[in-house]
Amino acid sequence: MTPKKRITRLLILASAVALFAGCESSKEAGGNSPSATTPGTSAVTSPSANPSGTPGSTSKPTTSPTPTPSSKGTGAGKGTDGSEQVAAKPESMTVLVNKQFKLPDSYKPSDLVYPDVNFVFAEKIEKRMMRKEAADALANMFAAAKKDGTPLAGVSAYRSHSTQTTLFNRYVQKDGEAAAKKYSAVPGHSEHETGLAIDVSGSTGKCAAEDCFGGTPEAKWLEDHAHEYGFIIRYPKGKESVTGYQYEPWHLRYVGTQMAKDIKSKNTTMEEYLNAVPVAK
């Protein structure tokens, strides 16, 4: 090969190498796909992915009501968005049962007993029963009330799911569903089904489960002392929009002395105490 031809081939080879190097440099500079550099996409998350619940989030809460230290184990279920929820621990002494949270349809307390107290009737029937811890506390409370000169009597305690169904349907036929829901619970949503609630009156039975009970000495005694024995006035005056029920000074709910004293001292409701409002209407 002549020197002239050899030089020509070297020039061609050098040009090819330079061209190849240029292509590789171009790949490194622009190798990312267009979608990876689209403005804004890397910082955007969906509303449901917001774990902090910051203002502007449109996701509905799906976790249990924020518990206070004394509300652990309440079995309150999930959600505070107004949807119906089944109590996770229906046997809990502090289980929340209202228009939003319900008991399982098959639930029946396993420790029902007859409290050693007077009732406005003599028969030993279902509505005379309560769970043992609540029954013992009730007996102590009734004894204290009697000692203070304001003897009490039981009106209605435990109700089975079937009994509550019959009762609620009767009220609906009488007053219509909307009116019935202001003073009676839909089956599964009645505190009486827990075995921890009781309606009470004076020993004569006068104004039993009626508005006029609110002005009696017995109602005043319960307002002042029920919490000392672990009971609360479950549906207090002025809290109708929170509890979903009209004022019922006769309806007591056993929650244990600690929670009862806390609720009394704060002049609050079970829903507010457990951070479980609003109540489903």
Protein backbone atom coordinates (compact mmCIF):
# COMPACT_ATOMS: atom_id res chain seq x y z
CA MET A 1 0.00 0.00 0.00
CA THR A 2 1.33 3.42 -0.93
CA PRO A 3 1.86 6.03 1.82
CA LYS A 4 -0.88 8.19 0.32
CA LYS A 5 -3.48 5.39 0.57
CA ARG A 6 -2.38 4.53 4.14
CA ILE A 7 -2.92 8.15 5.23
CA THR A 8 -6.35 8.21 3.62
CA ARG A 9 -7.45 5.05 5.50
CA LEU A 10 -6.21 6.47 8.82
CA LEU A 11 -8.19 9.66 8.28
CA ILE A 12 -11.37 7.64 7.56
CA LEU A 13 -10.87 5.51 10.69
CA ALA A 14 -10.31 8.57 12.88
CA SER A 15 -13.52 10.15 11.62
CA ALA A 16 -15.50 7.01 12.42
CA VAL A 17 -14.14 6.87 15.98
CA ALA A 18 -15.02 10.52 16.55
CA LEU A 19 -18.56 9.98 15.25
CA PHE A 20 -19.11 6.98 17.55
CA ALA A 21 -17.87 8.88 20.61
CA GLY A 22 -20.27 11.70 19.82
CA CYS A 23 -23.26 9.31 19.75
CA GLU A 24 -22.35 7.87 23.17
CA SER A 25 -22.02 11.34 24.70
CA SER A 26 -25.47 12.20 23.36
CA LYS A 27 -27.02 9.12 25.07
CA GLU A 28 -25.54 9.99 28.46
CA ALA A 29 -26.78 13.56 28.30
CA GLY A 30 -30.36 12.73 27.34
CA GLY A 31 -30.81 9.16 28.57
CA ASN A 32 -33.74 9.86 30.94
CA SER A 33 -37.21 9.24 29.51
CA PRO A 34 -39.40 12.33 28.96
CA SER A 35 -41.94 11.17 31.56
CA ALA A 36 -39.32 11.12 34.29
CA THR A 37 -38.63 14.82 33.88
CA THR A 38 -42.19 16.07 33.46
CA PRO A 39 -42.57 19.07 35.81
CA GLY A 40 -44.45 18.34 39.06
CA THR A 41 -44.94 14.61 38.75
CA SER A 42 -42.36 13.54 41.29
CA ALA A 43 -43.88 15.54 44.19
CA VAL A 44 -47.59 14.77 43.77
CA THR A 45 -49.42 12.20 45.99
CA SER A 46 -53.08 11.26 46.06
CA PRO A 47 -55.28 12.63 48.87
CA SER A 48 -55.73 9.13 50.33
CA ALA A 49 -51.99 8.81 50.72
CA ASN A 50 -51.81 11.76 53.11
CA PRO A 51 -50.97 10.11 56.47
CA SER A 52 -51.19 13.23 58.57
CA GLY A 53 -54.72 14.30 57.74
CA THR A 54 -53.54 17.84 56.99
CA PRO A 55 -56.08 20.48 55.94
CA GLY A 56 -57.23 20.08 52.36
CA SER A 57 -57.14 16.32 52.35
CA THR A 58 -60.34 14.88 50.90
CA SER A 59 -59.93 11.36 52.21
CA LYS A 60 -62.39 10.08 54.80
CA PRO A 61 -60.93 8.73 58.07
CA THR A 62 -60.73 4.97 58.20
CA THR A 63 -59.11 4.50 61.58
CA SER A 64 -60.58 4.11 65.06
CA PRO A 65 -61.54 7.21 67.03
CA THR A 66 -58.39 8.65 68.61
CA PRO A 67 -58.24 6.95 72.02
CA THR A 68 -57.51 8.77 75.22
CA PRO A 69 -55.40 6.88 77.79
CA SER A 70 -58.52 5.80 79.66
CA SER A 71 -60.47 4.73 76.57
CA LYS A 72 -58.28 1.86 75.41
CA GLY A 73 -60.16 -1.37 74.93
CA THR A 74 -63.51 0.31 74.38
CA GLY A 75 -64.18 -1.77 71.28
CA ALA A 76 -65.51 1.30 69.55
CA GLY A 77 -65.00 -0.09 66.05
CA LYS A 78 -63.70 1.98 63.12
CA GLY A 79 -64.53 5.27 61.56
CA THR A 80 -66.01 8.61 62.63
CA ASP A 81 -67.51 9.56 59.25
CA GLY A 82 -71.10 8.66 60.15
CA SER A 83 -71.06 5.18 58.67
CA GLU A 84 -72.34 2.23 60.68
CA GLN A 85 -69.62 0.24 62.42
CA VAL A 86 -69.74 -3.00 64.41
CA ALA A 87 -68.12 -2.90 67.85
CA ALA A 88 -64.80 -4.74 67.82
CA LYS A 89 -65.02 -5.70 71.50
CA PRO A 90 -68.70 -5.85 72.47
CA GLU A 91 -67.84 -7.41 75.84
CA SER A 92 -65.82 -4.35 76.93
CA MET A 93 -67.23 -2.48 79.93
CA THR A 94 -66.66 0.74 77.99
CA VAL A 95 -67.92 -0.36 74.58
CA LEU A 96 -69.44 2.53 72.65
CA VAL A 97 -72.94 1.77 71.36
CA ASN A 98 -74.90 4.54 69.68
CA LYS A 99 -76.42 5.46 66.32
CA GLN A 100 -73.08 4.94 64.62
CA PHE A 101 -71.59 1.99 66.51
CA LYS A 102 -73.58 -1.21 66.92
CA LEU A 103 -73.27 -4.59 68.58
CA PRO A 104 -73.03 -7.80 66.53
CA ASP A 105 -76.55 -9.12 65.91
CA SER A 106 -75.71 -12.39 67.67
CA TYR A 107 -74.15 -10.77 70.74
CA LYS A 108 -75.45 -11.71 74.19
CA PRO A 109 -73.54 -10.99 77.41
CA SER A 110 -72.31 -14.19 79.05
CA ASP A 111 -72.43 -12.94 82.65
CA LEU A 112 -76.00 -11.67 83.08
CA VAL A 113 -77.37 -11.82 86.64
CA TYR A 114 -80.30 -10.44 88.58
CA PRO A 115 -79.20 -7.36 90.56
CA ASP A 116 -80.15 -7.42 94.24
CA VAL A 117 -82.29 -4.28 93.97
CA ASN A 118 -85.97 -3.37 93.80
CA PHE A 119 -87.73 -3.02 90.45
CA VAL A 120 -91.12 -1.55 89.64
CA PHE A 121 -92.27 -5.09 88.81
CA ALA A 122 -91.86 -8.38 90.68
CA GLU A 123 -91.21 -10.87 87.87
CA LYS A 124 -87.69 -12.20 87.29
CA ILE A 125 -87.66 -11.59 83.58
CA GLU A 126 -85.10 -10.54 80.97
CA LYS A 127 -85.30 -6.79 81.54
CA ARG A 128 -84.36 -7.24 85.19
CA MET A 129 -80.90 -8.56 84.34
CA MET A 130 -77.51 -6.85 84.05
CA ARG A 131 -73.91 -7.91 83.64
CA LYS A 132 -72.45 -8.90 87.00
CA GLU A 133 -70.01 -6.02 87.49
CA ALA A 134 -72.69 -3.49 86.66
CA ALA A 135 -75.26 -5.33 88.81
CA ASP A 136 -72.97 -5.23 91.85
CA ALA A 137 -72.30 -1.51 91.33
CA LEU A 138 -76.03 -0.89 90.95
CA ALA A 139 -76.77 -2.60 94.27
CA ASN A 140 -74.19 -0.40 96.02
CA MET A 141 -75.63 2.72 94.43
CA PHE A 142 -79.23 1.85 95.34
CA ALA A 143 -78.18 1.17 98.94
CA ALA A 144 -76.48 4.58 99.15
CA ALA A 145 -79.50 6.34 97.66
CA LYS A 146 -81.80 4.66 100.15
CA LYS A 147 -79.52 5.68 103.01
CA ASP A 148 -79.77 9.28 101.78
CA GLY A 149 -83.56 9.10 101.79
CA THR A 150 -84.05 8.80 98.02
CA PRO A 151 -84.84 5.12 97.38
CA LEU A 152 -84.66 4.01 93.75
CA ALA A 153 -86.19 1.25 91.64
CA GLY A 154 -85.20 -0.38 88.39
CA VAL A 155 -87.50 0.02 85.38
CA SER A 156 -85.76 -1.74 82.49
CA ALA A 157 -82.24 -3.16 82.15
CA TYR A 158 -81.11 -5.82 79.65
CA ARG A 159 -82.91 -6.37 76.35
CA SER A 160 -82.10 -9.04 73.82
CA HIS A 161 -81.72 -8.15 70.16
CA SER A 162 -85.11 -9.67 69.38
CA THR A 163 -86.79 -7.74 72.21
CA GLN A 164 -85.28 -4.46 71.01
CA THR A 165 -86.47 -5.25 67.48
CA THR A 166 -90.04 -5.78 68.68
CA LEU A 167 -89.97 -2.66 70.84
CA PHE A 168 -88.53 -0.40 68.15
CA ASN A 169 -91.01 -1.61 65.53
CA ARG A 170 -93.86 -0.90 67.95
CA TYR A 171 -92.65 2.69 68.42
CA VAL A 172 -92.31 3.14 64.66
CA GLN A 173 -95.90 2.02 64.14
CA LYS A 174 -97.04 4.40 66.89
CA ASP A 175 -95.06 7.57 66.10
CA GLY A 176 -93.29 7.01 62.79
CA GLU A 177 -89.62 6.13 62.25
CA ALA A 178 -88.17 9.64 62.50
CA ALA A 179 -89.85 10.31 65.84
CA ALA A 180 -89.09 6.83 67.18
CA LYS A 181 -85.37 7.28 66.54
CA LYS A 182 -85.28 10.28 68.89
CA TYR A 183 -86.09 8.14 71.92
CA SER A 184 -85.57 4.52 70.88
CA ALA A 185 -82.61 2.75 69.32
CA VAL A 186 -82.53 0.74 66.12
CA PRO A 187 -81.92 -2.96 66.98
CA GLY A 188 -78.22 -3.56 67.59
CA HIS A 189 -77.68 0.08 68.54
CA SER A 190 -79.36 -0.05 71.95
CA GLU A 191 -77.24 0.22 75.08
CA HIS A 192 -79.73 -2.05 76.81
CA GLU A 193 -78.38 -4.89 74.66
CA THR A 194 -74.98 -4.53 76.35
CA GLY A 195 -76.34 -5.48 79.76
CA LEU A 196 -74.64 -2.35 81.10
CA ALA A 197 -77.56 0.10 80.92
CA ILE A 198 -80.66 0.54 83.06
CA ASP A 199 -83.61 2.90 83.29
CA VAL A 200 -84.42 3.85 86.88
CA SER A 201 -87.11 5.71 88.80
CA GLY A 202 -88.07 6.49 92.34
CA SER A 203 -89.23 3.56 94.45
CA THR A 204 -92.89 4.32 93.70
CA GLY A 205 -92.37 4.13 89.96
CA LYS A 206 -93.81 7.60 89.46
CA CYS A 207 -92.57 9.27 86.24
CA ALA A 208 -90.75 6.08 85.24
CA ALA A 209 -88.97 6.70 81.91
CA GLU A 210 -90.91 9.95 81.51
CA ASP A 211 -89.79 13.56 81.19
CA CYS A 212 -91.23 14.44 84.59
CA PHE A 213 -88.58 12.27 86.26
CA GLY A 214 -86.06 15.04 85.59
CA GLY A 215 -87.55 17.23 88.34
CA THR A 216 -87.58 14.61 91.08
CA PRO A 217 -85.22 14.30 94.08
CA GLU A 218 -84.16 10.90 92.73
CA ALA A 219 -83.00 12.41 89.43
CA LYS A 220 -81.04 15.08 91.34
CA TRP A 221 -79.40 12.42 93.52
CA LEU A 222 -78.36 10.42 90.44
CA GLU A 223 -76.97 13.53 88.78
CA ASP A 224 -74.84 14.20 91.86
CA HIS A 225 -73.77 10.66 92.81
CA ALA A 226 -74.15 8.11 89.97
CA HIS A 227 -70.55 8.62 88.82
CA GLU A 228 -69.28 7.56 92.25
CA TYR A 229 -70.53 4.06 91.46
CA GLY A 230 -69.38 3.90 87.83
CA PHE A 231 -72.57 5.13 86.14
CA ILE A 232 -73.17 8.13 83.89
CA ILE A 233 -76.33 9.91 82.78
CA ARG A 234 -75.89 8.68 79.24
CA TYR A 235 -78.07 11.24 77.46
CA PRO A 236 -77.61 14.55 79.32
CA LYS A 237 -79.50 17.76 78.75
CA GLY A 238 -78.04 20.04 76.08
CA LYS A 239 -76.12 17.22 74.38
CA GLU A 240 -78.86 15.96 72.09
CA SER A 241 -76.92 16.87 68.95
CA VAL A 242 -73.97 14.82 70.21
CA THR A 243 -75.69 11.70 71.56
CA GLY A 244 -78.50 11.71 69.00
CA TYR A 245 -81.13 11.26 71.72
CA GLN A 246 -83.35 13.49 73.81
CA TYR A 247 -82.51 14.16 77.45
CA GLU A 248 -83.10 11.02 79.55
CA PRO A 249 -82.21 11.55 83.23
CA TRP A 250 -83.40 8.02 83.98
CA HIS A 251 -81.07 6.20 81.57
CA LEU A 252 -77.85 5.13 83.30
CA ARG A 253 -74.87 3.47 81.68
CA TYR A 254 -72.16 1.63 83.59
CA VAL A 255 -68.63 2.45 82.38
CA GLY A 256 -66.58 1.95 85.57
CA THR A 257 -65.70 4.53 88.20
CA GLN A 258 -62.66 6.06 86.48
CA MET A 259 -64.38 6.90 83.20
CA ALA A 260 -67.59 7.91 84.97
CA LYS A 261 -65.73 10.38 87.18
CA ASP A 262 -63.82 11.78 84.20
CA ILE A 263 -66.99 12.28 82.15
CA LYS A 264 -68.75 13.89 85.11
CA SER A 265 -65.86 16.27 85.88
CA LYS A 266 -65.65 17.36 82.25
CA ASN A 267 -69.43 17.67 81.87
CA THR A 268 -69.16 15.74 78.63
CA THR A 269 -70.61 12.72 76.87
CA MET A 270 -69.25 9.28 76.08
CA GLU A 271 -68.92 10.25 72.41
CA GLU A 272 -66.88 13.36 73.21
CA TYR A 273 -64.78 11.57 75.80
CA LEU A 274 -63.82 8.89 73.28
CA ASN A 275 -63.36 11.37 70.41
CA ALA A 276 -66.11 9.61 68.47
CA VAL A 277 -68.27 12.44 67.20
CA PRO A 278 -70.29 13.26 65.20
CA VAL A 279 -72.95 10.66 65.75
CA ALA A 280 -74.73 9.25 62.72
CA LYS A 281 -78.26 10.66 62.58
